[in-house]
Amino acid sequence: MLLVLALALALFVLPSPWGVVAVAAAAVVEIAETGFWIWLSRRRSVQVGAETLIGARGEAVDGALVRVDGELWQVRTDAALAPGEAVRVVGRDGLVLEVERETVESGTPRT
């Protein structure tokens, strides 16, 4: 937007040497702004998709289902799970989550 305004000023309002300066300054600002927004968008981690499930915490509903972020998922685990037991997602195979029991370290509350 700034570049378009600078071009209009350069063509219709500003005298010859200042029009070139206005366009060059507007181009530098536009390039810097574009670079900033690209940098800002790339520094965030993945927010959607199956990749976000890895590391998520959940609660066992029964031996074959867990609730993760409000959704029920089929699970594969080495140990039997009791209802209400806290689990952590360690992998995914299609629509089946691989989970393990969440261990409570001393002094660290479970959330």
PDB file of N, CA and C in Angstrom:
ATOM      1  N   MET A   1       0.828  -1.187   0.000  1.00  0.00           N
ATOM      2  CA  MET A   1       0.000   0.000   0.000  1.00  0.00           C
ATOM      3  C   MET A   1       0.874   1.253   0.000  1.00  0.00           C
ATOM      4  N   LEU A   2       1.916   1.232   0.815  1.00  0.00           N
ATOM      5  CA  LEU A   2       2.804   2.379   0.900  1.00  0.00           C
ATOM      6  C   LEU A   2       3.517   2.619  -0.424  1.00  0.00           C
ATOM      7  N   LEU A   3       3.866   1.544  -1.090  1.00  0.00           N
ATOM      8  CA  LEU A   3       4.555   1.667  -2.375  1.00  0.00           C
ATOM      9  C   LEU A   3       3.642   2.300  -3.428  1.00  0.00           C
ATOM     10  N   VAL A   4       2.377   1.943  -3.429  1.00  0.00           N
ATOM     11  CA  VAL A   4       1.422   2.519  -4.381  1.00  0.00           C
ATOM     12  C   VAL A   4       1.261   4.016  -4.117  1.00  0.00           C
ATOM     13  N   LEU A   5       1.168   4.391  -2.844  1.00  0.00           N
ATOM     14  CA  LEU A   5       1.061   5.803  -2.485  1.00  0.00           C
ATOM     15  C   LEU A   5       2.315   6.575  -2.916  1.00  0.00           C
ATOM     16  N   ALA A   6       3.492   5.990  -2.712  1.00  0.00           N
ATOM     17  CA  ALA A   6       4.739   6.646  -3.117  1.00  0.00           C
ATOM     18  C   ALA A   6       4.803   6.806  -4.629  1.00  0.00           C
ATOM     19  N   LEU A   7       4.353   5.804  -5.362  1.00  0.00           N
ATOM     20  CA  LEU A   7       4.334   5.925  -6.824  1.00  0.00           C
ATOM     21  C   LEU A   7       3.404   7.042  -7.282  1.00  0.00           C
ATOM     22  N   ALA A   8       2.242   7.133  -6.663  1.00  0.00           N
ATOM     23  CA  ALA A   8       1.302   8.208  -7.015  1.00  0.00           C
ATOM     24  C   ALA A   8       1.896   9.573  -6.700  1.00  0.00           C
ATOM     25  N   LEU A   9       2.510   9.710  -5.545  1.00  0.00           N
ATOM     26  CA  LEU A   9       3.150  10.971  -5.193  1.00  0.00           C
ATOM     27  C   LEU A   9       4.276  11.306  -6.166  1.00  0.00           C
ATOM     28  N   ALA A  10       5.073  10.310  -6.532  1.00  0.00           N
ATOM     29  CA  ALA A  10       6.203  10.531  -7.427  1.00  0.00           C
ATOM     30  C   ALA A  10       5.735  10.995  -8.804  1.00  0.00           C
ATOM     31  N   LEU A  11       4.635  10.439  -9.274  1.00  0.00           N
ATOM     32  CA  LEU A  11       4.153  10.790 -10.604  1.00  0.00           C
ATOM     33  C   LEU A  11       3.421  12.129 -10.658  1.00  0.00           C
ATOM     34  N   PHE A  12       2.655  12.453  -9.601  1.00  0.00           N
ATOM     35  CA  PHE A  12       1.758  13.593  -9.695  1.00  0.00           C
ATOM     36  C   PHE A  12       2.106  14.782  -8.800  1.00  0.00           C
ATOM     37  N   VAL A  13       2.871  14.578  -7.720  1.00  0.00           N
ATOM     38  CA  VAL A  13       3.052  15.658  -6.756  1.00  0.00           C
ATOM     39  C   VAL A  13       4.503  16.090  -6.607  1.00  0.00           C
ATOM     40  N   LEU A  14       5.384  15.155  -6.349  1.00  0.00           N
ATOM     41  CA  LEU A  14       6.766  15.498  -6.005  1.00  0.00           C
ATOM     42  C   LEU A  14       7.593  15.882  -7.222  1.00  0.00           C
ATOM     43  N   PRO A  15       8.544  16.807  -7.027  1.00  0.00           N
ATOM     44  CA  PRO A  15       9.458  17.142  -8.122  1.00  0.00           C
ATOM     45  C   PRO A  15      10.394  15.972  -8.418  1.00  0.00           C
ATOM     46  N   SER A  16      11.081  16.035  -9.512  1.00  0.00           N
ATOM     47  CA  SER A  16      11.859  14.941 -10.070  1.00  0.00           C
ATOM     48  C   SER A  16      12.778  14.205  -9.092  1.00  0.00           C
ATOM     49  N   PRO A  17      13.725  14.801  -8.419  1.00  0.00           N
ATOM     50  CA  PRO A  17      14.609  13.949  -7.596  1.00  0.00           C
ATOM     51  C   PRO A  17      13.908  13.360  -6.377  1.00  0.00           C
ATOM     52  N   TRP A  18      12.917  14.045  -5.837  1.00  0.00           N
ATOM     53  CA  TRP A  18      12.257  13.551  -4.618  1.00  0.00           C
ATOM     54  C   TRP A  18      11.288  12.405  -4.902  1.00  0.00           C
ATOM     55  N   GLY A  19      10.785  12.322  -6.079  1.00  0.00           N
ATOM     56  CA  GLY A  19       9.916  11.205  -6.450  1.00  0.00           C
ATOM     57  C   GLY A  19      10.661   9.882  -6.419  1.00  0.00           C
ATOM     58  N   VAL A  20      11.881   9.896  -6.917  1.00  0.00           N
ATOM     59  CA  VAL A  20      12.708   8.683  -6.916  1.00  0.00           C
ATOM     60  C   VAL A  20      13.048   8.285  -5.480  1.00  0.00           C
ATOM     61  N   VAL A  21      13.340   9.258  -4.633  1.00  0.00           N
ATOM     62  CA  VAL A  21      13.650   8.979  -3.225  1.00  0.00           C
ATOM     63  C   VAL A  21      12.438   8.382  -2.514  1.00  0.00           C
ATOM     64  N   ALA A  22      11.249   8.938  -2.768  1.00  0.00           N
ATOM     65  CA  ALA A  22      10.028   8.436  -2.126  1.00  0.00           C
ATOM     66  C   ALA A  22       9.736   7.002  -2.536  1.00  0.00           C
ATOM     67  N   VAL A  23       9.895   6.697  -3.807  1.00  0.00           N
ATOM     68  CA  VAL A  23       9.648   5.331  -4.296  1.00  0.00           C
ATOM     69  C   VAL A  23      10.671   4.361  -3.718  1.00  0.00           C
ATOM     70  N   ALA A  24      11.936   4.755  -3.670  1.00  0.00           N
ATOM     71  CA  ALA A  24      12.974   3.880  -3.113  1.00  0.00           C
ATOM     72  C   ALA A  24      12.738   3.624  -1.627  1.00  0.00           C
ATOM     73  N   ALA A  25      12.384   4.656  -0.880  1.00  0.00           N
ATOM     74  CA  ALA A  25      12.118   4.490   0.555  1.00  0.00           C
ATOM     75  C   ALA A  25      10.906   3.594   0.785  1.00  0.00           C
ATOM     76  N   ALA A  26       9.863   3.787   0.007  1.00  0.00           N
ATOM     77  CA  ALA A  26       8.664   2.951   0.147  1.00  0.00           C
ATOM     78  C   ALA A  26       8.980   1.495  -0.197  1.00  0.00           C
ATOM     79  N   ALA A  27       9.815   1.261  -1.201  1.00  0.00           N
ATOM     80  CA  ALA A  27      10.190  -0.106  -1.557  1.00  0.00           C
ATOM     81  C   ALA A  27      10.970  -0.769  -0.438  1.00  0.00           C
ATOM     82  N   VAL A  28      11.870  -0.035   0.197  1.00  0.00           N
ATOM     83  CA  VAL A  28      12.635  -0.593   1.320  1.00  0.00           C
ATOM     84  C   VAL A  28      11.708  -0.951   2.476  1.00  0.00           C
ATOM     85  N   VAL A  29      10.760  -0.077   2.781  1.00  0.00           N
ATOM     86  CA  VAL A  29       9.806  -0.351   3.867  1.00  0.00           C
ATOM     87  C   VAL A  29       8.967  -1.579   3.533  1.00  0.00           C
ATOM     88  N   GLU A  30       8.476  -1.688   2.294  1.00  0.00           N
ATOM     89  CA  GLU A  30       7.662  -2.845   1.896  1.00  0.00           C
ATOM     90  C   GLU A  30       8.451  -4.148   2.005  1.00  0.00           C
ATOM     91  N   ILE A  31       9.692  -4.145   1.566  1.00  0.00           N
ATOM     92  CA  ILE A  31      10.520  -5.354   1.639  1.00  0.00           C
ATOM     93  C   ILE A  31      10.793  -5.734   3.090  1.00  0.00           C
ATOM     94  N   ALA A  32      11.088  -4.743   3.929  1.00  0.00           N
ATOM     95  CA  ALA A  32      11.335  -5.022   5.349  1.00  0.00           C
ATOM     96  C   ALA A  32      10.084  -5.566   6.032  1.00  0.00           C
ATOM     97  N   GLU A  33       8.934  -5.001   5.716  1.00  0.00           N
ATOM     98  CA  GLU A  33       7.687  -5.465   6.313  1.00  0.00           C
ATOM     99  C   GLU A  33       7.368  -6.896   5.881  1.00  0.00           C
ATOM    100  N   THR A  34       7.553  -7.190   4.617  1.00  0.00           N
ATOM    101  CA  THR A  34       7.317  -8.551   4.120  1.00  0.00           C
ATOM    102  C   THR A  34       8.261  -9.541   4.793  1.00  0.00           C
ATOM    103  N   GLY A  35       9.530  -9.178   4.915  1.00  0.00           N
ATOM    104  CA  GLY A  35      10.487 -10.047   5.602  1.00  0.00           C
ATOM    105  C   GLY A  35      10.119 -10.289   7.053  1.00  0.00           C
ATOM    106  N   PHE A  36       9.653  -9.243   7.730  1.00  0.00           N
ATOM    107  CA  PHE A  36       9.239  -9.388   9.134  1.00  0.00           C
ATOM    108  C   PHE A  36       8.080 -10.365   9.269  1.00  0.00           C
ATOM    109  N   TRP A  37       7.057 -10.240   8.433  1.00  0.00           N
ATOM    110  CA  TRP A  37       5.892 -11.124   8.544  1.00  0.00           C
ATOM    111  C   TRP A  37       6.239 -12.561   8.172  1.00  0.00           C
ATOM    112  N   ILE A  38       7.119 -12.759   7.219  1.00  0.00           N
ATOM    113  CA  ILE A  38       7.564 -14.116   6.896  1.00  0.00           C
ATOM    114  C   ILE A  38       8.323 -14.714   8.069  1.00  0.00           C
ATOM    115  N   TRP A  39       9.221 -13.949   8.672  1.00  0.00           N
ATOM    116  CA  TRP A  39       9.960 -14.419   9.848  1.00  0.00           C
ATOM    117  C   TRP A  39       9.012 -14.755  10.992  1.00  0.00           C
ATOM    118  N   LEU A  40       8.035 -13.905  11.244  1.00  0.00           N
ATOM    119  CA  LEU A  40       7.097 -14.122  12.342  1.00  0.00           C
ATOM    120  C   LEU A  40       6.253 -15.372  12.120  1.00  0.00           C
ATOM    121  N   SER A  41       5.830 -15.618  10.891  1.00  0.00           N
ATOM    122  CA  SER A  41       4.988 -16.780  10.618  1.00  0.00           C
ATOM    123  C   SER A  41       5.763 -18.088  10.688  1.00  0.00           C
ATOM    124  N   ARG A  42       7.050 -18.079  10.412  1.00  0.00           N
ATOM    125  CA  ARG A  42       7.839 -19.313  10.423  1.00  0.00           C
ATOM    126  C   ARG A  42       8.333 -19.712  11.799  1.00  0.00           C
ATOM    127  N   ARG A  43       8.316 -18.843  12.777  1.00  0.00           N
ATOM    128  CA  ARG A  43       8.859 -19.190  14.079  1.00  0.00           C
ATOM    129  C   ARG A  43       7.871 -19.945  14.958  1.00  0.00           C
ATOM    130  N   ARG A  44       6.643 -20.058  14.546  1.00  0.00           N
ATOM    131  CA  ARG A  44       5.639 -20.784  15.310  1.00  0.00           C
ATOM    132  C   ARG A  44       5.662 -22.262  14.944  1.00  0.00           C
ATOM    133  N   SER A  45       5.363 -23.108  15.915  1.00  0.00           N
ATOM    134  CA  SER A  45       5.331 -24.540  15.657  1.00  0.00           C
ATOM    135  C   SER A  45       4.000 -24.940  15.014  1.00  0.00           C
ATOM    136  N   VAL A  46       3.917 -26.184  14.625  1.00  0.00           N
ATOM    137  CA  VAL A  46       2.717 -26.705  14.000  1.00  0.00           C
ATOM    138  C   VAL A  46       1.560 -26.607  14.990  1.00  0.00           C
ATOM    139  N   GLN A  47       0.426 -26.086  14.538  1.00  0.00           N
ATOM    140  CA  GLN A  47      -0.723 -25.903  15.407  1.00  0.00           C
ATOM    141  C   GLN A  47      -1.877 -26.847  15.078  1.00  0.00           C
ATOM    142  N   VAL A  48      -1.842 -27.476  13.932  1.00  0.00           N
ATOM    143  CA  VAL A  48      -2.932 -28.356  13.518  1.00  0.00           C
ATOM    144  C   VAL A  48      -2.360 -29.647  12.958  1.00  0.00           C
ATOM    145  N   GLY A  49      -3.198 -30.649  12.869  1.00  0.00           N
ATOM    146  CA  GLY A  49      -2.793 -31.903  12.263  1.00  0.00           C
ATOM    147  C   GLY A  49      -2.401 -32.944  13.296  1.00  0.00           C
ATOM    148  N   ALA A  50      -2.129 -34.113  12.797  1.00  0.00           N
ATOM    149  CA  ALA A  50      -1.813 -35.250  13.664  1.00  0.00           C
ATOM    150  C   ALA A  50      -0.490 -35.070  14.389  1.00  0.00           C
ATOM    151  N   GLU A  51       0.404 -34.221  13.868  1.00  0.00           N
ATOM    152  CA  GLU A  51       1.702 -34.013  14.504  1.00  0.00           C
ATOM    153  C   GLU A  51       1.565 -33.410  15.900  1.00  0.00           C
ATOM    154  N   THR A  52       0.482 -32.687  16.127  1.00  0.00           N
ATOM    155  CA  THR A  52       0.301 -32.034  17.426  1.00  0.00           C
ATOM    156  C   THR A  52      -0.067 -33.015  18.529  1.00  0.00           C
ATOM    157  N   LEU A  53      -0.447 -34.232  18.182  1.00  0.00           N
ATOM    158  CA  LEU A  53      -0.835 -35.212  19.199  1.00  0.00           C
ATOM    159  C   LEU A  53       0.366 -35.806  19.929  1.00  0.00           C
ATOM    160  N   ILE A  54       1.513 -35.864  19.285  1.00  0.00           N
ATOM    161  CA  ILE A  54       2.691 -36.465  19.908  1.00  0.00           C
ATOM    162  C   ILE A  54       3.090 -35.607  21.107  1.00  0.00           C
ATOM    163  N   GLY A  55       3.169 -36.254  22.267  1.00  0.00           N
ATOM    164  CA  GLY A  55       3.506 -35.558  23.500  1.00  0.00           C
ATOM    165  C   GLY A  55       2.297 -35.063  24.271  1.00  0.00           C
ATOM    166  N   ALA A  56       1.113 -35.165  23.682  1.00  0.00           N
ATOM    167  CA  ALA A  56      -0.097 -34.696  24.359  1.00  0.00           C
ATOM    168  C   ALA A  56      -0.463 -35.622  25.511  1.00  0.00           C
ATOM    169  N   ARG A  57      -1.098 -35.059  26.500  1.00  0.00           N
ATOM    170  CA  ARG A  57      -1.558 -35.847  27.654  1.00  0.00           C
ATOM    171  C   ARG A  57      -3.016 -36.213  27.475  1.00  0.00           C
ATOM    172  N   GLY A  58      -3.378 -37.337  28.036  1.00  0.00           N
ATOM    173  CA  GLY A  58      -4.756 -37.787  27.949  1.00  0.00           C
ATOM    174  C   GLY A  58      -5.138 -38.602  29.159  1.00  0.00           C
ATOM    175  N   GLU A  59      -6.371 -39.096  29.136  1.00  0.00           N
ATOM    176  CA  GLU A  59      -6.891 -39.892  30.245  1.00  0.00           C
ATOM    177  C   GLU A  59      -7.556 -41.143  29.675  1.00  0.00           C
ATOM    178  N   ALA A  60      -7.231 -42.284  30.260  1.00  0.00           N
ATOM    179  CA  ALA A  60      -7.800 -43.548  29.794  1.00  0.00           C
ATOM    180  C   ALA A  60      -9.278 -43.620  30.132  1.00  0.00           C
ATOM    181  N   VAL A  61     -10.080 -44.016  29.155  1.00  0.00           N
ATOM    182  CA  VAL A  61     -11.510 -44.227  29.377  1.00  0.00           C
ATOM    183  C   VAL A  61     -11.736 -45.690  29.712  1.00  0.00           C
ATOM    184  N   ASP A  62     -11.077 -46.567  28.978  1.00  0.00           N
ATOM    185  CA  ASP A  62     -11.029 -47.992  29.294  1.00  0.00           C
ATOM    186  C   ASP A  62      -9.721 -48.524  28.720  1.00  0.00           C
ATOM    187  N   GLY A  63      -9.571 -49.820  28.606  1.00  0.00           N
ATOM    188  CA  GLY A  63      -8.302 -50.382  28.156  1.00  0.00           C
ATOM    189  C   GLY A  63      -7.959 -50.105  26.713  1.00  0.00           C
ATOM    190  N   ALA A  64      -8.942 -49.723  25.893  1.00  0.00           N
ATOM    191  CA  ALA A  64      -8.692 -49.535  24.469  1.00  0.00           C
ATOM    192  C   ALA A  64      -8.938 -48.116  23.992  1.00  0.00           C
ATOM    193  N   LEU A  65      -9.427 -47.220  24.850  1.00  0.00           N
ATOM    194  CA  LEU A  65      -9.739 -45.855  24.451  1.00  0.00           C
ATOM    195  C   LEU A  65      -9.129 -44.848  25.432  1.00  0.00           C
ATOM    196  N   VAL A  66      -8.678 -43.734  24.901  1.00  0.00           N
ATOM    197  CA  VAL A  66      -8.243 -42.620  25.745  1.00  0.00           C
ATOM    198  C   VAL A  66      -8.884 -41.348  25.216  1.00  0.00           C
ATOM    199  N   ARG A  67      -9.005 -40.382  26.098  1.00  0.00           N
ATOM    200  CA  ARG A  67      -9.527 -39.074  25.731  1.00  0.00           C
ATOM    201  C   ARG A  67      -8.346 -38.100  25.698  1.00  0.00           C
ATOM    202  N   VAL A  68      -8.085 -37.549  24.515  1.00  0.00           N
ATOM    203  CA  VAL A  68      -7.007 -36.581  24.324  1.00  0.00           C
ATOM    204  C   VAL A  68      -7.631 -35.323  23.732  1.00  0.00           C
ATOM    205  N   ASP A  69      -7.496 -34.211  24.403  1.00  0.00           N
ATOM    206  CA  ASP A  69      -8.065 -32.933  23.955  1.00  0.00           C
ATOM    207  C   ASP A  69      -9.555 -33.056  23.653  1.00  0.00           C
ATOM    208  N   GLY A  70     -10.265 -33.807  24.476  1.00  0.00           N
ATOM    209  CA  GLY A  70     -11.707 -33.931  24.323  1.00  0.00           C
ATOM    210  C   GLY A  70     -12.161 -34.944  23.293  1.00  0.00           C
ATOM    211  N   GLU A  71     -11.248 -35.622  22.630  1.00  0.00           N
ATOM    212  CA  GLU A  71     -11.602 -36.598  21.611  1.00  0.00           C
ATOM    213  C   GLU A  71     -11.216 -37.992  22.060  1.00  0.00           C
ATOM    214  N   LEU A  72     -12.026 -38.984  21.696  1.00  0.00           N
ATOM    215  CA  LEU A  72     -11.732 -40.377  22.022  1.00  0.00           C
ATOM    216  C   LEU A  72     -10.897 -40.994  20.904  1.00  0.00           C
ATOM    217  N   TRP A  73      -9.832 -41.688  21.304  1.00  0.00           N
ATOM    218  CA  TRP A  73      -8.924 -42.329  20.350  1.00  0.00           C
ATOM    219  C   TRP A  73      -8.701 -43.778  20.756  1.00  0.00           C
ATOM    220  N   GLN A  74      -8.577 -44.663  19.762  1.00  0.00           N
ATOM    221  CA  GLN A  74      -8.153 -46.036  20.031  1.00  0.00           C
ATOM    222  C   GLN A  74      -6.661 -45.997  20.309  1.00  0.00           C
ATOM    223  N   VAL A  75      -6.227 -46.896  21.223  1.00  0.00           N
ATOM    224  CA  VAL A  75      -4.820 -46.860  21.612  1.00  0.00           C
ATOM    225  C   VAL A  75      -4.177 -48.232  21.510  1.00  0.00           C
ATOM    226  N   ARG A  76      -2.865 -48.178  21.434  1.00  0.00           N
ATOM    227  CA  ARG A  76      -2.027 -49.363  21.517  1.00  0.00           C
ATOM    228  C   ARG A  76      -1.027 -49.072  22.629  1.00  0.00           C
ATOM    229  N   THR A  77      -0.925 -49.994  23.586  1.00  0.00           N
ATOM    230  CA  THR A  77      -0.013 -49.802  24.706  1.00  0.00           C
ATOM    231  C   THR A  77       0.497 -51.153  25.180  1.00  0.00           C
ATOM    232  N   ASP A  78       1.649 -51.144  25.858  1.00  0.00           N
ATOM    233  CA  ASP A  78       2.229 -52.384  26.370  1.00  0.00           C
ATOM    234  C   ASP A  78       1.540 -52.845  27.634  1.00  0.00           C
ATOM    235  N   ALA A  79       1.068 -51.907  28.450  1.00  0.00           N
ATOM    236  CA  ALA A  79       0.448 -52.251  29.733  1.00  0.00           C
ATOM    237  C   ALA A  79      -1.047 -51.942  29.686  1.00  0.00           C
ATOM    238  N   ALA A  80      -1.799 -52.702  30.466  1.00  0.00           N
ATOM    239  CA  ALA A  80      -3.234 -52.454  30.557  1.00  0.00           C
ATOM    240  C   ALA A  80      -3.474 -51.118  31.251  1.00  0.00           C
ATOM    241  N   LEU A  81      -4.479 -50.389  30.781  1.00  0.00           N
ATOM    242  CA  LEU A  81      -4.796 -49.088  31.359  1.00  0.00           C
ATOM    243  C   LEU A  81      -6.081 -49.174  32.152  1.00  0.00           C
ATOM    244  N   ALA A  82      -6.054 -48.551  33.318  1.00  0.00           N
ATOM    245  CA  ALA A  82      -7.256 -48.469  34.140  1.00  0.00           C
ATOM    246  C   ALA A  82      -7.991 -47.178  33.803  1.00  0.00           C
ATOM    247  N   PRO A  83      -9.323 -47.186  33.898  1.00  0.00           N
ATOM    248  CA  PRO A  83     -10.073 -45.955  33.625  1.00  0.00           C
ATOM    249  C   PRO A  83      -9.596 -44.814  34.532  1.00  0.00           C
ATOM    250  N   GLY A  84      -9.419 -43.634  33.933  1.00  0.00           N
ATOM    251  CA  GLY A  84      -8.982 -42.465  34.681  1.00  0.00           C
ATOM    252  C   GLY A  84      -7.475 -42.307  34.794  1.00  0.00           C
ATOM    253  N   GLU A  85      -6.722 -43.265  34.286  1.00  0.00           N
ATOM    254  CA  GLU A  85      -5.265 -43.217  34.384  1.00  0.00           C
ATOM    255  C   GLU A  85      -4.693 -42.212  33.372  1.00  0.00           C
ATOM    256  N   ALA A  86      -3.697 -41.449  33.796  1.00  0.00           N
ATOM    257  CA  ALA A  86      -3.081 -40.445  32.932  1.00  0.00           C
ATOM    258  C   ALA A  86      -2.097 -41.115  31.974  1.00  0.00           C
ATOM    259  N   VAL A  87      -2.158 -40.704  30.704  1.00  0.00           N
ATOM    260  CA  VAL A  87      -1.280 -41.259  29.688  1.00  0.00           C
ATOM    261  C   VAL A  87      -0.672 -40.122  28.877  1.00  0.00           C
ATOM    262  N   ARG A  88       0.395 -40.459  28.164  1.00  0.00           N
ATOM    263  CA  ARG A  88       1.039 -39.512  27.250  1.00  0.00           C
ATOM    264  C   ARG A  88       1.186 -40.194  25.901  1.00  0.00           C
ATOM    265  N   VAL A  89       0.870 -39.463  24.831  1.00  0.00           N
ATOM    266  CA  VAL A  89       0.964 -39.992  23.472  1.00  0.00           C
ATOM    267  C   VAL A  89       2.430 -39.978  23.052  1.00  0.00           C
ATOM    268  N   VAL A  90       2.928 -41.143  22.617  1.00  0.00           N
ATOM    269  CA  VAL A  90       4.327 -41.247  22.182  1.00  0.00           C
ATOM    270  C   VAL A  90       4.453 -41.550  20.690  1.00  0.00           C
ATOM    271  N   GLY A  91       3.345 -41.884  20.035  1.00  0.00           N
ATOM    272  CA  GLY A  91       3.397 -42.172  18.617  1.00  0.00           C
ATOM    273  C   GLY A  91       2.005 -42.286  18.037  1.00  0.00           C
ATOM    274  N   ARG A  92       1.961 -42.468  16.722  1.00  0.00           N
ATOM    275  CA  ARG A  92       0.685 -42.572  16.039  1.00  0.00           C
ATOM    276  C   ARG A  92       0.859 -43.499  14.848  1.00  0.00           C
ATOM    277  N   ASP A  93      -0.117 -44.381  14.657  1.00  0.00           N
ATOM    278  CA  ASP A  93      -0.125 -45.277  13.511  1.00  0.00           C
ATOM    279  C   ASP A  93      -1.510 -45.183  12.884  1.00  0.00           C
ATOM    280  N   GLY A  94      -1.660 -44.322  11.894  1.00  0.00           N
ATOM    281  CA  GLY A  94      -2.979 -44.086  11.311  1.00  0.00           C
ATOM    282  C   GLY A  94      -3.868 -43.393  12.319  1.00  0.00           C
ATOM    283  N   LEU A  95      -4.989 -44.041  12.652  1.00  0.00           N
ATOM    284  CA  LEU A  95      -5.910 -43.472  13.635  1.00  0.00           C
ATOM    285  C   LEU A  95      -5.778 -44.124  15.002  1.00  0.00           C
ATOM    286  N   VAL A  96      -4.695 -44.847  15.216  1.00  0.00           N
ATOM    287  CA  VAL A  96      -4.439 -45.491  16.509  1.00  0.00           C
ATOM    288  C   VAL A  96      -3.248 -44.798  17.158  1.00  0.00           C
ATOM    289  N   LEU A  97      -3.460 -44.348  18.395  1.00  0.00           N
ATOM    290  CA  LEU A  97      -2.380 -43.686  19.122  1.00  0.00           C
ATOM    291  C   LEU A  97      -1.589 -44.692  19.930  1.00  0.00           C
ATOM    292  N   GLU A  98      -0.300 -44.494  19.993  1.00  0.00           N
ATOM    293  CA  GLU A  98       0.559 -45.294  20.854  1.00  0.00           C
ATOM    294  C   GLU A  98       0.810 -44.466  22.109  1.00  0.00           C
ATOM    295  N   VAL A  99       0.435 -45.026  23.269  1.00  0.00           N
ATOM    296  CA  VAL A  99       0.533 -44.269  24.515  1.00  0.00           C
ATOM    297  C   VAL A  99       1.318 -45.053  25.545  1.00  0.00           C
ATOM    298  N   GLU A 100       1.760 -44.329  26.557  1.00  0.00           N
ATOM    299  CA  GLU A 100       2.382 -44.954  27.720  1.00  0.00           C
ATOM    300  C   GLU A 100       1.863 -44.244  28.959  1.00  0.00           C
ATOM    301  N   ARG A 101       1.918 -44.952  30.082  1.00  0.00           N
ATOM    302  CA  ARG A 101       1.477 -44.339  31.329  1.00  0.00           C
ATOM    303  C   ARG A 101       2.330 -43.127  31.632  1.00  0.00           C
ATOM    304  N   GLU A 102       1.697 -42.110  32.172  1.00  0.00           N
ATOM    305  CA  GLU A 102       2.443 -40.921  32.559  1.00  0.00           C
ATOM    306  C   GLU A 102       2.935 -41.105  33.981  1.00  0.00           C
ATOM    307  N   THR A 103       4.226 -40.926  34.151  1.00  0.00           N
ATOM    308  CA  THR A 103       4.803 -41.065  35.481  1.00  0.00           C
ATOM    309  C   THR A 103       4.835 -39.712  36.159  1.00  0.00           C
ATOM    310  N   VAL A 104       4.585 -39.709  37.456  1.00  0.00           N
ATOM    311  CA  VAL A 104       4.604 -38.482  38.225  1.00  0.00           C
ATOM    312  C   VAL A 104       5.951 -38.399  38.919  1.00  0.00           C
ATOM    313  N   GLU A 105       6.719 -37.388  38.533  1.00  0.00           N
ATOM    314  CA  GLU A 105       8.023 -37.192  39.189  1.00  0.00           C
ATOM    315  C   GLU A 105       7.802 -36.475  40.515  1.00  0.00           C
ATOM    316  N   SER A 106       8.689 -36.710  41.445  1.00  0.00           N
ATOM    317  CA  SER A 106       8.533 -36.097  42.759  1.00  0.00           C
ATOM    318  C   SER A 106       8.589 -34.575  42.651  1.00  0.00           C
ATOM    319  N   GLY A 107       7.586 -33.920  43.224  1.00  0.00           N
ATOM    320  CA  GLY A 107       7.532 -32.471  43.235  1.00  0.00           C
ATOM    321  C   GLY A 107       6.947 -31.857  41.985  1.00  0.00           C
ATOM    322  N   THR A 108       6.629 -32.649  40.972  1.00  0.00           N
ATOM    323  CA  THR A 108       6.061 -32.125  39.745  1.00  0.00           C
ATOM    324  C   THR A 108       4.585 -32.505  39.683  1.00  0.00           C
ATOM    325  N   PRO A 109       3.685 -31.529  39.715  1.00  0.00           N
ATOM    326  CA  PRO A 109       2.257 -31.859  39.670  1.00  0.00           C
ATOM    327  C   PRO A 109       1.855 -32.348  38.283  1.00  0.00           C
ATOM    328  N   ARG A 110       0.881 -33.198  38.223  1.00  0.00           N
ATOM    329  CA  ARG A 110       0.363 -33.721  36.967  1.00  0.00           C
ATOM    330  C   ARG A 110      -0.750 -32.819  36.483  1.00  0.00           C
ATOM    331  N   THR A 111      -0.690 -32.413  35.202  1.00  0.00           N
ATOM    332  CA  THR A 111      -1.731 -31.544  34.646  1.00  0.00           C
ATOM    333  C   THR A 111      -2.418 -32.191  33.489  1.00  0.00           C
TER     334      THR A 111
END
